[in-house]
PDB file of N, CA and C in Angstrom:
ATOM      1  N   UNK A   1       0.776  -1.203   0.155  1.00  0.00           N
ATOM      2  CA  UNK A   1      -0.055   0.027  -0.209  1.00  0.00           C
ATOM      3  C   UNK A   1       0.942   1.135   0.128  1.00  0.00           C
ATOM      4  N   UNK A   2       2.090   1.141   0.955  1.00  0.00           N
ATOM      5  CA  UNK A   2       2.734   2.556   1.014  1.00  0.00           C
ATOM      6  C   UNK A   2       3.243   3.026  -0.531  1.00  0.00           C
ATOM      7  N   UNK A   3       3.812   1.611  -1.204  1.00  0.00           N
ATOM      8  CA  UNK A   3       4.351   1.861  -2.618  1.00  0.00           C
ATOM      9  C   UNK A   3       3.051   2.480  -3.641  1.00  0.00           C
ATOM     10  N   UNK A   4       2.138   1.849  -3.396  1.00  0.00           N
ATOM     11  CA  UNK A   4       0.989   2.526  -4.459  1.00  0.00           C
ATOM     12  C   UNK A   4       0.886   3.840  -3.979  1.00  0.00           C
ATOM     13  N   UNK A   5       0.765   4.287  -2.875  1.00  0.00           N
ATOM     14  CA  UNK A   5       0.040   5.757  -2.955  1.00  0.00           C
ATOM     15  C   UNK A   5       1.365   6.671  -2.640  1.00  0.00           C
ATOM     16  N   UNK A   6       2.552   6.100  -2.715  1.00  0.00           N
ATOM     17  CA  UNK A   6       3.926   7.084  -2.940  1.00  0.00           C
ATOM     18  C   UNK A   6       3.979   6.901  -4.199  1.00  0.00           C
ATOM     19  N   UNK A   7       3.185   6.594  -5.525  1.00  0.00           N
ATOM     20  CA  UNK A   7       3.369   6.661  -6.936  1.00  0.00           C
ATOM     21  C   UNK A   7       3.236   8.115  -7.330  1.00  0.00           C
ATOM     22  N   UNK A   8       3.831   8.642  -7.968  1.00  0.00           N
ATOM     23  CA  UNK A   8       3.461   9.914  -8.543  1.00  0.00           C
ATOM     24  C   UNK A   8       2.329  10.200  -9.425  1.00  0.00           C
ATOM     25  N   UNK A   9       1.554   9.282  -9.810  1.00  0.00           N
ATOM     26  CA  UNK A   9      -0.200   9.846 -10.042  1.00  0.00           C
ATOM     27  C   UNK A   9      -1.355   9.542  -9.098  1.00  0.00           C
ATOM     28  N   UNK A  10      -0.618   9.363  -8.021  1.00  0.00           N
ATOM     29  CA  UNK A  10      -1.659   9.044  -6.700  1.00  0.00           C
ATOM     30  C   UNK A  10      -1.904  10.143  -6.025  1.00  0.00           C
ATOM     31  N   UNK A  11      -3.028  10.620  -5.877  1.00  0.00           N
ATOM     32  CA  UNK A  11      -3.362  11.634  -5.146  1.00  0.00           C
ATOM     33  C   UNK A  11      -4.059  11.052  -3.785  1.00  0.00           C
ATOM     34  N   UNK A  12      -3.620  11.533  -2.422  1.00  0.00           N
ATOM     35  CA  UNK A  12      -3.878  10.918  -1.373  1.00  0.00           C
ATOM     36  C   UNK A  12      -3.884  12.267  -0.483  1.00  0.00           C
ATOM     37  N   UNK A  13      -5.647  12.039   0.420  1.00  0.00           N
ATOM     38  CA  UNK A  13      -6.091  13.257   0.973  1.00  0.00           C
ATOM     39  C   UNK A  13      -6.201  12.762   2.589  1.00  0.00           C
ATOM     40  N   UNK A  14      -5.715  13.671   3.443  1.00  0.00           N
ATOM     41  CA  UNK A  14      -6.446  13.061   4.882  1.00  0.00           C
ATOM     42  C   UNK A  14      -7.313  14.267   5.634  1.00  0.00           C
ATOM     43  N   UNK A  15      -8.711  14.170   5.966  1.00  0.00           N
ATOM     44  CA  UNK A  15      -9.265  15.080   6.600  1.00  0.00           C
ATOM     45  C   UNK A  15      -9.051  14.983   7.891  1.00  0.00           C
ATOM     46  N   UNK A  16      -8.843  16.061   8.507  1.00  0.00           N
ATOM     47  CA  UNK A  16      -8.797  16.103  10.187  1.00  0.00           C
ATOM     48  C   UNK A  16     -10.293  17.006  10.696  1.00  0.00           C
ATOM     49  N   UNK A  17     -10.466  16.775  12.022  1.00  0.00           N
ATOM     50  CA  UNK A  17     -11.510  17.498  12.550  1.00  0.00           C
ATOM     51  C   UNK A  17     -11.267  17.762  13.900  1.00  0.00           C
ATOM     52  N   UNK A  18     -11.470  19.134  13.845  1.00  0.00           N
ATOM     53  CA  UNK A  18     -11.233  19.910  15.246  1.00  0.00           C
ATOM     54  C   UNK A  18      -9.832  20.619  15.259  1.00  0.00           C
ATOM     55  N   UNK A  19      -9.857  21.919  15.996  1.00  0.00           N
ATOM     56  CA  UNK A  19      -8.902  22.779  15.748  1.00  0.00           C
ATOM     57  C   UNK A  19      -7.803  22.420  16.540  1.00  0.00           C
ATOM     58  N   UNK A  20      -7.860  21.995  17.964  1.00  0.00           N
ATOM     59  CA  UNK A  20      -6.771  21.420  18.638  1.00  0.00           C
ATOM     60  C   UNK A  20      -6.912  19.812  18.566  1.00  0.00           C
ATOM     61  N   UNK A  21      -5.640  19.334  18.571  1.00  0.00           N
ATOM     62  CA  UNK A  21      -5.456  17.883  18.491  1.00  0.00           C
ATOM     63  C   UNK A  21      -6.577  17.316  17.444  1.00  0.00           C
ATOM     64  N   UNK A  22      -6.459  17.711  16.443  1.00  0.00           N
ATOM     65  CA  UNK A  22      -6.827  17.802  15.481  1.00  0.00           C
ATOM     66  C   UNK A  22      -6.860  15.936  15.329  1.00  0.00           C
ATOM     67  N   UNK A  23      -8.368  15.081  14.974  1.00  0.00           N
ATOM     68  CA  UNK A  23      -8.081  13.913  14.694  1.00  0.00           C
ATOM     69  C   UNK A  23      -8.664  13.396  13.031  1.00  0.00           C
ATOM     70  N   UNK A  24      -8.095  12.249  12.888  1.00  0.00           N
ATOM     71  CA  UNK A  24      -8.276  12.143  11.437  1.00  0.00           C
ATOM     72  C   UNK A  24      -9.880  11.904  11.408  1.00  0.00           C
ATOM     73  N   UNK A  25     -10.328  12.804  10.355  1.00  0.00           N
ATOM     74  CA  UNK A  25     -11.740  12.271  10.083  1.00  0.00           C
ATOM     75  C   UNK A  25     -12.179  11.659   8.814  1.00  0.00           C
ATOM     76  N   UNK A  26     -11.058  11.370   7.660  1.00  0.00           N
ATOM     77  CA  UNK A  26     -11.453  10.784   6.568  1.00  0.00           C
ATOM     78  C   UNK A  26     -10.589  10.816   5.418  1.00  0.00           C
ATOM     79  N   UNK A  27     -10.271  10.129   4.466  1.00  0.00           N
ATOM     80  CA  UNK A  27      -9.230  10.196   3.534  1.00  0.00           C
ATOM     81  C   UNK A  27      -9.841   9.827   2.024  1.00  0.00           C
ATOM     82  N   UNK A  28      -8.978   9.960   1.107  1.00  0.00           N
ATOM     83  CA  UNK A  28      -9.593   9.675  -0.252  1.00  0.00           C
ATOM     84  C   UNK A  28      -8.011   9.372  -1.098  1.00  0.00           C
ATOM     85  N   UNK A  29      -8.314   8.529  -1.774  1.00  0.00           N
ATOM     86  CA  UNK A  29      -7.220   8.040  -2.881  1.00  0.00           C
ATOM     87  C   UNK A  29      -7.883   8.212  -4.192  1.00  0.00           C
ATOM     88  N   UNK A  30      -6.751   8.829  -4.961  1.00  0.00           N
ATOM     89  CA  UNK A  30      -7.331   8.977  -6.457  1.00  0.00           C
ATOM     90  C   UNK A  30      -5.797   8.584  -7.414  1.00  0.00           C
ATOM     91  N   UNK A  31      -6.151   8.024  -8.599  1.00  0.00           N
ATOM     92  CA  UNK A  31      -4.943   7.709  -9.411  1.00  0.00           C
ATOM     93  C   UNK A  31      -5.310   8.305 -10.821  1.00  0.00           C
ATOM     94  N   UNK A  32      -4.414   9.203 -11.355  1.00  0.00           N
ATOM     95  CA  UNK A  32      -4.228   9.626 -12.389  1.00  0.00           C
ATOM     96  C   UNK A  32      -3.801   8.634 -13.486  1.00  0.00           C
ATOM     97  N   UNK A  33      -4.295   8.548 -14.848  1.00  0.00           N
ATOM     98  CA  UNK A  33      -3.618   7.827 -16.039  1.00  0.00           C
ATOM     99  C   UNK A  33      -4.091   8.948 -16.936  1.00  0.00           C
ATOM    100  N   UNK A  34      -3.095   9.220 -17.768  1.00  0.00           N
ATOM    101  CA  UNK A  34      -3.310  10.226 -18.818  1.00  0.00           C
ATOM    102  C   UNK A  34      -3.990  11.440 -18.331  1.00  0.00           C
ATOM    103  N   UNK A  35      -5.044  11.432 -19.095  1.00  0.00           N
ATOM    104  CA  UNK A  35      -5.914  13.039 -18.688  1.00  0.00           C
ATOM    105  C   UNK A  35      -7.123  12.466 -18.008  1.00  0.00           C
ATOM    106  N   UNK A  36      -6.917  11.199 -17.426  1.00  0.00           N
ATOM    107  CA  UNK A  36      -8.379  11.114 -16.537  1.00  0.00           C
ATOM    108  C   UNK A  36      -7.587  10.548 -15.378  1.00  0.00           C
ATOM    109  N   UNK A  37      -8.850  10.425 -14.348  1.00  0.00           N
ATOM    110  CA  UNK A  37      -8.206   9.958 -12.968  1.00  0.00           C
ATOM    111  C   UNK A  37      -9.558   9.318 -12.400  1.00  0.00           C
ATOM    112  N   UNK A  38      -9.483   8.162 -11.606  1.00  0.00           N
ATOM    113  CA  UNK A  38     -10.234   7.105 -11.001  1.00  0.00           C
ATOM    114  C   UNK A  38     -10.097   7.319  -9.303  1.00  0.00           C
ATOM    115  N   UNK A  39     -11.498   7.629  -8.912  1.00  0.00           N
ATOM    116  CA  UNK A  39     -11.425   7.710  -7.252  1.00  0.00           C
ATOM    117  C   UNK A  39     -11.429   6.178  -6.878  1.00  0.00           C
ATOM    118  N   UNK A  40     -10.158   5.906  -6.271  1.00  0.00           N
ATOM    119  CA  UNK A  40     -10.182   4.506  -5.673  1.00  0.00           C
ATOM    120  C   UNK A  40     -10.974   4.054  -4.295  1.00  0.00           C
ATOM    121  N   UNK A  41     -11.102   5.184  -3.310  1.00  0.00           N
ATOM    122  CA  UNK A  41     -11.822   4.832  -2.131  1.00  0.00           C
ATOM    123  C   UNK A  41     -12.074   6.358  -1.760  1.00  0.00           C
ATOM    124  N   UNK A  42     -12.753   6.446  -0.954  1.00  0.00           N
ATOM    125  CA  UNK A  42     -13.162   7.588   0.217  1.00  0.00           C
ATOM    126  C   UNK A  42     -13.873   7.188   1.373  1.00  0.00           C
ATOM    127  N   UNK A  43     -13.438   7.246   2.382  1.00  0.00           N
ATOM    128  CA  UNK A  43     -13.862   7.078   3.725  1.00  0.00           C
ATOM    129  C   UNK A  43     -14.000   8.443   4.476  1.00  0.00           C
ATOM    130  N   UNK A  44     -14.958   8.212   5.458  1.00  0.00           N
ATOM    131  CA  UNK A  44     -15.199   9.206   6.414  1.00  0.00           C
ATOM    132  C   UNK A  44     -15.428   8.511   7.853  1.00  0.00           C
ATOM    133  N   UNK A  45     -14.932   8.720   9.113  1.00  0.00           N
ATOM    134  CA  UNK A  45     -14.860   8.098  10.230  1.00  0.00           C
ATOM    135  C   UNK A  45     -16.592   8.277  10.568  1.00  0.00           C
ATOM    136  N   UNK A  46     -17.303   6.934  10.873  1.00  0.00           N
ATOM    137  CA  UNK A  46     -18.601   7.079  11.226  1.00  0.00           C
ATOM    138  C   UNK A  46     -19.481   8.362  11.847  1.00  0.00           C
ATOM    139  N   UNK A  47     -18.552   8.714  12.998  1.00  0.00           N
ATOM    140  CA  UNK A  47     -19.255   9.228  14.148  1.00  0.00           C
ATOM    141  C   UNK A  47     -19.234  11.053  13.428  1.00  0.00           C
ATOM    142  N   UNK A  48     -18.203  10.942  12.361  1.00  0.00           N
ATOM    143  CA  UNK A  48     -18.183  12.448  11.831  1.00  0.00           C
ATOM    144  C   UNK A  48     -19.155  12.249  10.211  1.00  0.00           C
ATOM    145  N   UNK A  49     -19.962  11.494   9.886  1.00  0.00           N
ATOM    146  CA  UNK A  49     -20.359  11.504   8.896  1.00  0.00           C
ATOM    147  C   UNK A  49     -21.666  12.855   8.942  1.00  0.00           C
ATOM    148  N   UNK A  50     -21.929  13.210   7.741  1.00  0.00           N
ATOM    149  CA  UNK A  50     -23.151  14.086   7.625  1.00  0.00           C
ATOM    150  C   UNK A  50     -22.771  15.564   7.884  1.00  0.00           C
ATOM    151  N   UNK A  51     -21.649  15.643   8.090  1.00  0.00           N
ATOM    152  CA  UNK A  51     -20.536  16.924   8.812  1.00  0.00           C
ATOM    153  C   UNK A  51     -19.992  17.458   7.356  1.00  0.00           C
ATOM    154  N   UNK A  52     -20.133  16.988   6.281  1.00  0.00           N
ATOM    155  CA  UNK A  52     -19.358  17.727   5.186  1.00  0.00           C
ATOM    156  C   UNK A  52     -17.882  17.241   4.951  1.00  0.00           C
ATOM    157  N   UNK A  53     -17.606  16.489   5.757  1.00  0.00           N
ATOM    158  CA  UNK A  53     -16.108  15.719   5.541  1.00  0.00           C
ATOM    159  C   UNK A  53     -15.687  15.140   3.899  1.00  0.00           C
ATOM    160  N   UNK A  54     -16.840  14.305   3.809  1.00  0.00           N
ATOM    161  CA  UNK A  54     -16.806  13.921   2.281  1.00  0.00           C
ATOM    162  C   UNK A  54     -16.801  14.566   1.146  1.00  0.00           C
ATOM    163  N   UNK A  55     -17.335  15.541   1.352  1.00  0.00           N
ATOM    164  CA  UNK A  55     -17.802  16.562   0.252  1.00  0.00           C
ATOM    165  C   UNK A  55     -16.414  17.517   0.233  1.00  0.00           C
ATOM    166  N   UNK A  56     -15.864  17.853   1.315  1.00  0.00           N
ATOM    167  CA  UNK A  56     -14.547  18.765   1.382  1.00  0.00           C
ATOM    168  C   UNK A  56     -13.637  17.780   0.849  1.00  0.00           C
ATOM    169  N   UNK A  57     -13.262  16.554   1.017  1.00  0.00           N
ATOM    170  CA  UNK A  57     -12.264  15.605   0.578  1.00  0.00           C
ATOM    171  C   UNK A  57     -12.259  15.762  -1.146  1.00  0.00           C
ATOM    172  N   UNK A  58     -13.741  15.562  -1.475  1.00  0.00           N
ATOM    173  CA  UNK A  58     -13.715  15.298  -2.762  1.00  0.00           C
ATOM    174  C   UNK A  58     -13.607  16.614  -3.578  1.00  0.00           C
ATOM    175  N   UNK A  59     -14.230  17.636  -2.844  1.00  0.00           N
ATOM    176  CA  UNK A  59     -13.864  19.119  -3.463  1.00  0.00           C
ATOM    177  C   UNK A  59     -12.512  19.342  -3.785  1.00  0.00           C
ATOM    178  N   UNK A  60     -11.599  19.212  -2.602  1.00  0.00           N
ATOM    179  CA  UNK A  60     -10.216  19.416  -2.839  1.00  0.00           C
ATOM    180  C   UNK A  60      -9.721  18.502  -3.989  1.00  0.00           C
ATOM    181  N   UNK A  61      -9.794  17.202  -3.676  1.00  0.00           N
ATOM    182  CA  UNK A  61      -9.281  16.300  -4.822  1.00  0.00           C
ATOM    183  C   UNK A  61      -9.580  16.900  -6.393  1.00  0.00           C
ATOM    184  N   UNK A  62     -11.106  17.436  -6.464  1.00  0.00           N
ATOM    185  CA  UNK A  62     -11.257  17.911  -7.870  1.00  0.00           C
ATOM    186  C   UNK A  62     -10.333  19.052  -8.151  1.00  0.00           C
ATOM    187  N   UNK A  63     -10.093  19.794  -7.500  1.00  0.00           N
ATOM    188  CA  UNK A  63      -9.206  21.027  -7.526  1.00  0.00           C
ATOM    189  C   UNK A  63      -8.082  21.031  -7.678  1.00  0.00           C
ATOM    190  N   UNK A  64      -7.472  19.650  -6.767  1.00  0.00           N
ATOM    191  CA  UNK A  64      -5.873  19.161  -7.332  1.00  0.00           C
ATOM    192  C   UNK A  64      -5.780  18.420  -8.473  1.00  0.00           C
ATOM    193  N   UNK A  65      -6.978  17.563  -8.946  1.00  0.00           N
ATOM    194  CA  UNK A  65      -6.601  16.917 -10.208  1.00  0.00           C
ATOM    195  C   UNK A  65      -6.924  18.317 -11.349  1.00  0.00           C
ATOM    196  N   UNK A  66      -7.912  18.890 -11.398  1.00  0.00           N
ATOM    197  CA  UNK A  66      -8.185  20.038 -12.218  1.00  0.00           C
ATOM    198  C   UNK A  66      -6.649  20.596 -12.433  1.00  0.00           C
ATOM    199  N   UNK A  67      -6.065  21.196 -11.419  1.00  0.00           N
ATOM    200  CA  UNK A  67      -5.070  22.101 -11.552  1.00  0.00           C
ATOM    201  C   UNK A  67      -3.722  21.274 -12.134  1.00  0.00           C
ATOM    202  N   UNK A  68      -3.777  20.018 -12.158  1.00  0.00           N
ATOM    203  CA  UNK A  68      -2.896  18.914 -12.828  1.00  0.00           C
ATOM    204  C   UNK A  68      -3.282  18.529 -14.236  1.00  0.00           C
ATOM    205  N   UNK A  69      -4.386  19.431 -14.692  1.00  0.00           N
ATOM    206  CA  UNK A  69      -4.944  18.873 -16.354  1.00  0.00           C
ATOM    207  C   UNK A  69      -5.835  17.527 -16.362  1.00  0.00           C
ATOM    208  N   UNK A  70      -6.093  17.015 -15.704  1.00  0.00           N
ATOM    209  CA  UNK A  70      -7.135  16.256 -15.702  1.00  0.00           C
ATOM    210  C   UNK A  70      -8.661  16.518 -16.138  1.00  0.00           C
ATOM    211  N   UNK A  71      -9.155  15.918 -16.746  1.00  0.00           N
ATOM    212  CA  UNK A  71     -10.296  15.903 -17.854  1.00  0.00           C
ATOM    213  C   UNK A  71     -11.529  15.498 -16.946  1.00  0.00           C
ATOM    214  N   UNK A  72     -11.224  14.192 -16.690  1.00  0.00           N
ATOM    215  CA  UNK A  72     -12.482  13.650 -15.826  1.00  0.00           C
ATOM    216  C   UNK A  72     -12.097  12.995 -14.783  1.00  0.00           C
ATOM    217  N   UNK A  73     -12.749  12.428 -13.702  1.00  0.00           N
ATOM    218  CA  UNK A  73     -12.951  11.749 -12.393  1.00  0.00           C
ATOM    219  C   UNK A  73     -13.715  10.570 -12.793  1.00  0.00           C
ATOM    220  N   UNK A  74     -13.180   9.686 -12.737  1.00  0.00           N
ATOM    221  CA  UNK A  74     -14.295   8.438 -12.764  1.00  0.00           C
ATOM    222  C   UNK A  74     -14.373   7.674 -11.654  1.00  0.00           C
ATOM    223  N   UNK A  75     -15.654   7.270 -11.257  1.00  0.00           N
ATOM    224  CA  UNK A  75     -15.808   6.116  -9.790  1.00  0.00           C
ATOM    225  C   UNK A  75     -16.784   5.279 -10.190  1.00  0.00           C
ATOM    226  N   UNK A  76     -16.542   4.026  -9.347  1.00  0.00           N
ATOM    227  CA  UNK A  76     -17.651   3.117  -8.998  1.00  0.00           C
ATOM    228  C   UNK A  76     -18.264   3.554  -7.465  1.00  0.00           C
ATOM    229  N   UNK A  77     -19.770   3.007  -7.654  1.00  0.00           N
ATOM    230  CA  UNK A  77     -20.114   3.068  -6.266  1.00  0.00           C
ATOM    231  C   UNK A  77     -21.092   2.097  -6.350  1.00  0.00           C
ATOM    232  N   UNK A  78     -21.309   1.259  -5.202  1.00  0.00           N
ATOM    233  CA  UNK A  78     -22.528   0.479  -4.802  1.00  0.00           C
ATOM    234  C   UNK A  78     -24.059   1.103  -5.212  1.00  0.00           C
ATOM    235  N   UNK A  79     -24.686   0.470  -5.923  1.00  0.00           N
ATOM    236  CA  UNK A  79     -25.731   1.232  -6.232  1.00  0.00           C
ATOM    237  C   UNK A  79     -26.897   1.243  -5.017  1.00  0.00           C
ATOM    238  N   UNK A  80     -26.738   0.894  -4.191  1.00  0.00           N
ATOM    239  CA  UNK A  80     -27.528   0.957  -2.821  1.00  0.00           C
ATOM    240  C   UNK A  80     -26.912   2.045  -2.228  1.00  0.00           C
ATOM    241  N   UNK A  81     -25.486   2.296  -2.043  1.00  0.00           N
ATOM    242  CA  UNK A  81     -25.358   3.964  -1.297  1.00  0.00           C
ATOM    243  C   UNK A  81     -25.807   5.066  -1.897  1.00  0.00           C
ATOM    244  N   UNK A  82     -26.544   4.742  -1.399  1.00  0.00           N
ATOM    245  CA  UNK A  82     -27.890   6.324  -1.677  1.00  0.00           C
ATOM    246  C   UNK A  82     -26.996   7.715  -1.157  1.00  0.00           C
ATOM    247  N   UNK A  83     -26.250   7.885   0.200  1.00  0.00           N
ATOM    248  CA  UNK A  83     -25.827   8.677   0.399  1.00  0.00           C
ATOM    249  C   UNK A  83     -24.492   9.300  -0.464  1.00  0.00           C
ATOM    250  N   UNK A  84     -23.793   8.572  -1.045  1.00  0.00           N
ATOM    251  CA  UNK A  84     -22.456   8.742  -1.871  1.00  0.00           C
ATOM    252  C   UNK A  84     -22.915   8.976  -3.038  1.00  0.00           C
ATOM    253  N   UNK A  85     -23.968   8.246  -3.848  1.00  0.00           N
ATOM    254  CA  UNK A  85     -24.635   8.821  -5.045  1.00  0.00           C
ATOM    255  C   UNK A  85     -25.289   9.866  -5.202  1.00  0.00           C
ATOM    256  N   UNK A  86     -25.925  10.605  -4.125  1.00  0.00           N
ATOM    257  CA  UNK A  86     -26.361  11.801  -3.856  1.00  0.00           C
ATOM    258  C   UNK A  86     -25.014  12.882  -3.981  1.00  0.00           C
ATOM    259  N   UNK A  87     -24.131  12.660  -3.209  1.00  0.00           N
ATOM    260  CA  UNK A  87     -22.910  13.462  -3.088  1.00  0.00           C
ATOM    261  C   UNK A  87     -22.371  13.536  -4.414  1.00  0.00           C
ATOM    262  N   UNK A  88     -22.070  12.348  -5.015  1.00  0.00           N
ATOM    263  CA  UNK A  88     -21.449  12.501  -6.630  1.00  0.00           C
ATOM    264  C   UNK A  88     -22.555  13.388  -7.507  1.00  0.00           C
ATOM    265  N   UNK A  89     -23.592  13.115  -7.540  1.00  0.00           N
ATOM    266  CA  UNK A  89     -24.727  13.945  -8.315  1.00  0.00           C
ATOM    267  C   UNK A  89     -24.626  15.073  -8.178  1.00  0.00           C
ATOM    268  N   UNK A  90     -24.742  15.661  -6.644  1.00  0.00           N
ATOM    269  CA  UNK A  90     -24.327  17.087  -6.436  1.00  0.00           C
ATOM    270  C   UNK A  90     -23.385  17.768  -7.055  1.00  0.00           C
ATOM    271  N   UNK A  91     -22.266  17.113  -7.041  1.00  0.00           N
ATOM    272  CA  UNK A  91     -21.122  17.723  -7.255  1.00  0.00           C
ATOM    273  C   UNK A  91     -21.226  17.414  -9.008  1.00  0.00           C
ATOM    274  N   UNK A  92     -22.320  16.893  -9.439  1.00  0.00           N
ATOM    275  CA  UNK A  92     -22.269  16.879 -11.207  1.00  0.00           C
ATOM    276  C   UNK A  92     -22.020  15.386 -12.204  1.00  0.00           C
ATOM    277  N   UNK A  93     -21.446  14.417 -10.947  1.00  0.00           N
ATOM    278  CA  UNK A  93     -21.551  13.632 -11.700  1.00  0.00           C
ATOM    279  C   UNK A  93     -22.263  12.727 -12.350  1.00  0.00           C
ATOM    280  N   UNK A  94     -22.002  11.939 -13.353  1.00  0.00           N
ATOM    281  CA  UNK A  94     -23.348  11.466 -14.330  1.00  0.00           C
ATOM    282  C   UNK A  94     -23.010  10.063 -14.658  1.00  0.00           C
ATOM    283  N   UNK A  95     -24.210   9.015 -14.518  1.00  0.00           N
ATOM    284  CA  UNK A  95     -23.993   7.519 -14.661  1.00  0.00           C
ATOM    285  C   UNK A  95     -23.250   7.737 -16.064  1.00  0.00           C
ATOM    286  N   UNK A  96     -22.452   6.708 -16.211  1.00  0.00           N
ATOM    287  CA  UNK A  96     -21.987   6.337 -17.737  1.00  0.00           C
ATOM    288  C   UNK A  96     -21.890   4.572 -17.879  1.00  0.00           C
ATOM    289  N   UNK A  97     -22.519   4.138 -16.806  1.00  0.00           N
ATOM    290  CA  UNK A  97     -22.186   2.643 -16.812  1.00  0.00           C
ATOM    291  C   UNK A  97     -22.594   1.801 -15.504  1.00  0.00           C
ATOM    292  N   UNK A  98     -22.598   0.733 -15.844  1.00  0.00           N
ATOM    293  CA  UNK A  98     -22.574  -0.376 -14.615  1.00  0.00           C
ATOM    294  C   UNK A  98     -22.140  -1.630 -14.704  1.00  0.00           C
ATOM    295  N   UNK A  99     -21.398  -2.013 -13.315  1.00  0.00           N
ATOM    296  CA  UNK A  99     -21.006  -3.252 -13.109  1.00  0.00           C
ATOM    297  C   UNK A  99     -21.543  -4.282 -12.446  1.00  0.00           C
ATOM    298  N   UNK A 100     -22.330  -5.162 -12.947  1.00  0.00           N
ATOM    299  CA  UNK A 100     -23.387  -6.515 -12.333  1.00  0.00           C
ATOM    300  C   UNK A 100     -22.584  -7.153 -11.476  1.00  0.00           C
ATOM    301  N   UNK A 101     -22.784  -7.404 -10.219  1.00  0.00           N
ATOM    302  CA  UNK A 101     -21.941  -8.413  -9.470  1.00  0.00           C
ATOM    303  C   UNK A 101     -20.582  -7.852  -9.129  1.00  0.00           C
ATOM    304  N   UNK A 102     -20.474  -6.300  -9.111  1.00  0.00           N
ATOM    305  CA  UNK A 102     -18.948  -5.866  -8.863  1.00  0.00           C
ATOM    306  C   UNK A 102     -18.424  -5.835  -7.693  1.00  0.00           C
ATOM    307  N   UNK A 103     -19.214  -6.019  -6.489  1.00  0.00           N
ATOM    308  CA  UNK A 103     -18.668  -6.368  -5.123  1.00  0.00           C
ATOM    309  C   UNK A 103     -19.063  -7.496  -4.563  1.00  0.00           C
ATOM    310  N   UNK A 104     -18.213  -8.034  -3.569  1.00  0.00           N
ATOM    311  CA  UNK A 104     -17.852  -9.485  -3.132  1.00  0.00           C
ATOM    312  C   UNK A 104     -19.465  -9.872  -2.756  1.00  0.00           C
ATOM    313  N   UNK A 105     -20.185  -9.068  -2.469  1.00  0.00           N
ATOM    314  CA  UNK A 105     -21.445  -9.578  -1.665  1.00  0.00           C
ATOM    315  C   UNK A 105     -22.564  -9.645  -2.951  1.00  0.00           C
ATOM    316  N   UNK A 106     -22.172  -9.774  -4.201  1.00  0.00           N
ATOM    317  CA  UNK A 106     -22.840  -9.643  -5.357  1.00  0.00           C
ATOM    318  C   UNK A 106     -23.570  -8.284  -5.961  1.00  0.00           C
ATOM    319  N   UNK A 107     -23.187  -7.015  -4.998  1.00  0.00           N
ATOM    320  CA  UNK A 107     -23.958  -5.889  -5.185  1.00  0.00           C
ATOM    321  C   UNK A 107     -23.447  -5.299  -6.831  1.00  0.00           C
ATOM    322  N   UNK A 108     -24.157  -4.812  -7.170  1.00  0.00           N
ATOM    323  CA  UNK A 108     -23.813  -4.040  -8.540  1.00  0.00           C
ATOM    324  C   UNK A 108     -23.532  -2.544  -8.483  1.00  0.00           C
ATOM    325  N   UNK A 109     -22.358  -2.031  -9.170  1.00  0.00           N
ATOM    326  CA  UNK A 109     -22.033  -0.725  -9.100  1.00  0.00           C
ATOM    327  C   UNK A 109     -21.836   0.309 -10.275  1.00  0.00           C
ATOM    328  N   UNK A 110     -22.280   1.086  -9.877  1.00  0.00           N
ATOM    329  CA  UNK A 110     -22.848   2.178 -10.735  1.00  0.00           C
ATOM    330  C   UNK A 110     -21.686   2.974 -11.001  1.00  0.00           C
ATOM    331  N   UNK A 111     -21.244   3.326 -12.491  1.00  0.00           N
ATOM    332  CA  UNK A 111     -20.070   3.958 -12.859  1.00  0.00           C
ATOM    333  C   UNK A 111     -20.250   5.351 -13.144  1.00  0.00           C
ATOM    334  N   UNK A 112     -19.529   6.267 -12.408  1.00  0.00           N
ATOM    335  CA  UNK A 112     -20.074   7.708 -12.628  1.00  0.00           C
ATOM    336  C   UNK A 112     -18.952   8.514 -13.142  1.00  0.00           C
ATOM    337  N   UNK A 113     -19.283   9.731 -14.051  1.00  0.00           N
ATOM    338  CA  UNK A 113     -17.975  10.205 -14.501  1.00  0.00           C
ATOM    339  C   UNK A 113     -18.663  11.713 -14.244  1.00  0.00           C
ATOM    340  N   UNK A 114     -17.362  12.511 -13.843  1.00  0.00           N
ATOM    341  CA  UNK A 114     -17.312  13.772 -13.504  1.00  0.00           C
ATOM    342  C   UNK A 114     -16.418  14.531 -14.258  1.00  0.00           C
ATOM    343  N   UNK A 115     -17.258  15.483 -14.975  1.00  0.00           N
ATOM    344  CA  UNK A 115     -16.232  16.663 -16.004  1.00  0.00           C
ATOM    345  C   UNK A 115     -15.289  17.407 -15.202  1.00  0.00           C
ATOM    346  N   UNK A 116     -14.359  17.291 -15.341  1.00  0.00           N
ATOM    347  CA  UNK A 116     -13.738  18.322 -14.202  1.00  0.00           C
ATOM    348  C   UNK A 116     -13.155  19.798 -15.352  1.00  0.00           C
ATOM    349  N   UNK A 117     -13.540  19.948 -16.957  1.00  0.00           N
ATOM    350  CA  UNK A 117     -13.026  20.833 -17.102  1.00  0.00           C
ATOM    351  C   UNK A 117     -14.142  21.850 -17.736  1.00  0.00           C
ATOM    352  N   UNK A 118     -15.544  21.737 -17.169  1.00  0.00           N
ATOM    353  CA  UNK A 118     -16.549  22.424 -17.735  1.00  0.00           C
ATOM    354  C   UNK A 118     -16.840  23.716 -16.671  1.00  0.00           C
TER     355      UNK A 118
END
């Protein structure tokens, strides 16, 4: 994992919560290839969900990717993950595909694309 996240095409963000003695609140990992990037994972500490941590991580990632010339961000999300789907769609992501049985539990993934240059 350390070699992967240390790669030049990988973006890793860590969010903290609280001014003093800030505690980790969430993280995001994305990887660029050419002029596209893929959101590999994003997570927020359970007790800190619905406080804008995931939205802030994603917005910072979008700005960093835009600045490096990335044109589009792709991601897969479980079709039953309503909070994540809502967040991605609010930021402008659009469905571009579906991966049946993508997850170990047999769940299907929605494939989304977020245009970064519009």
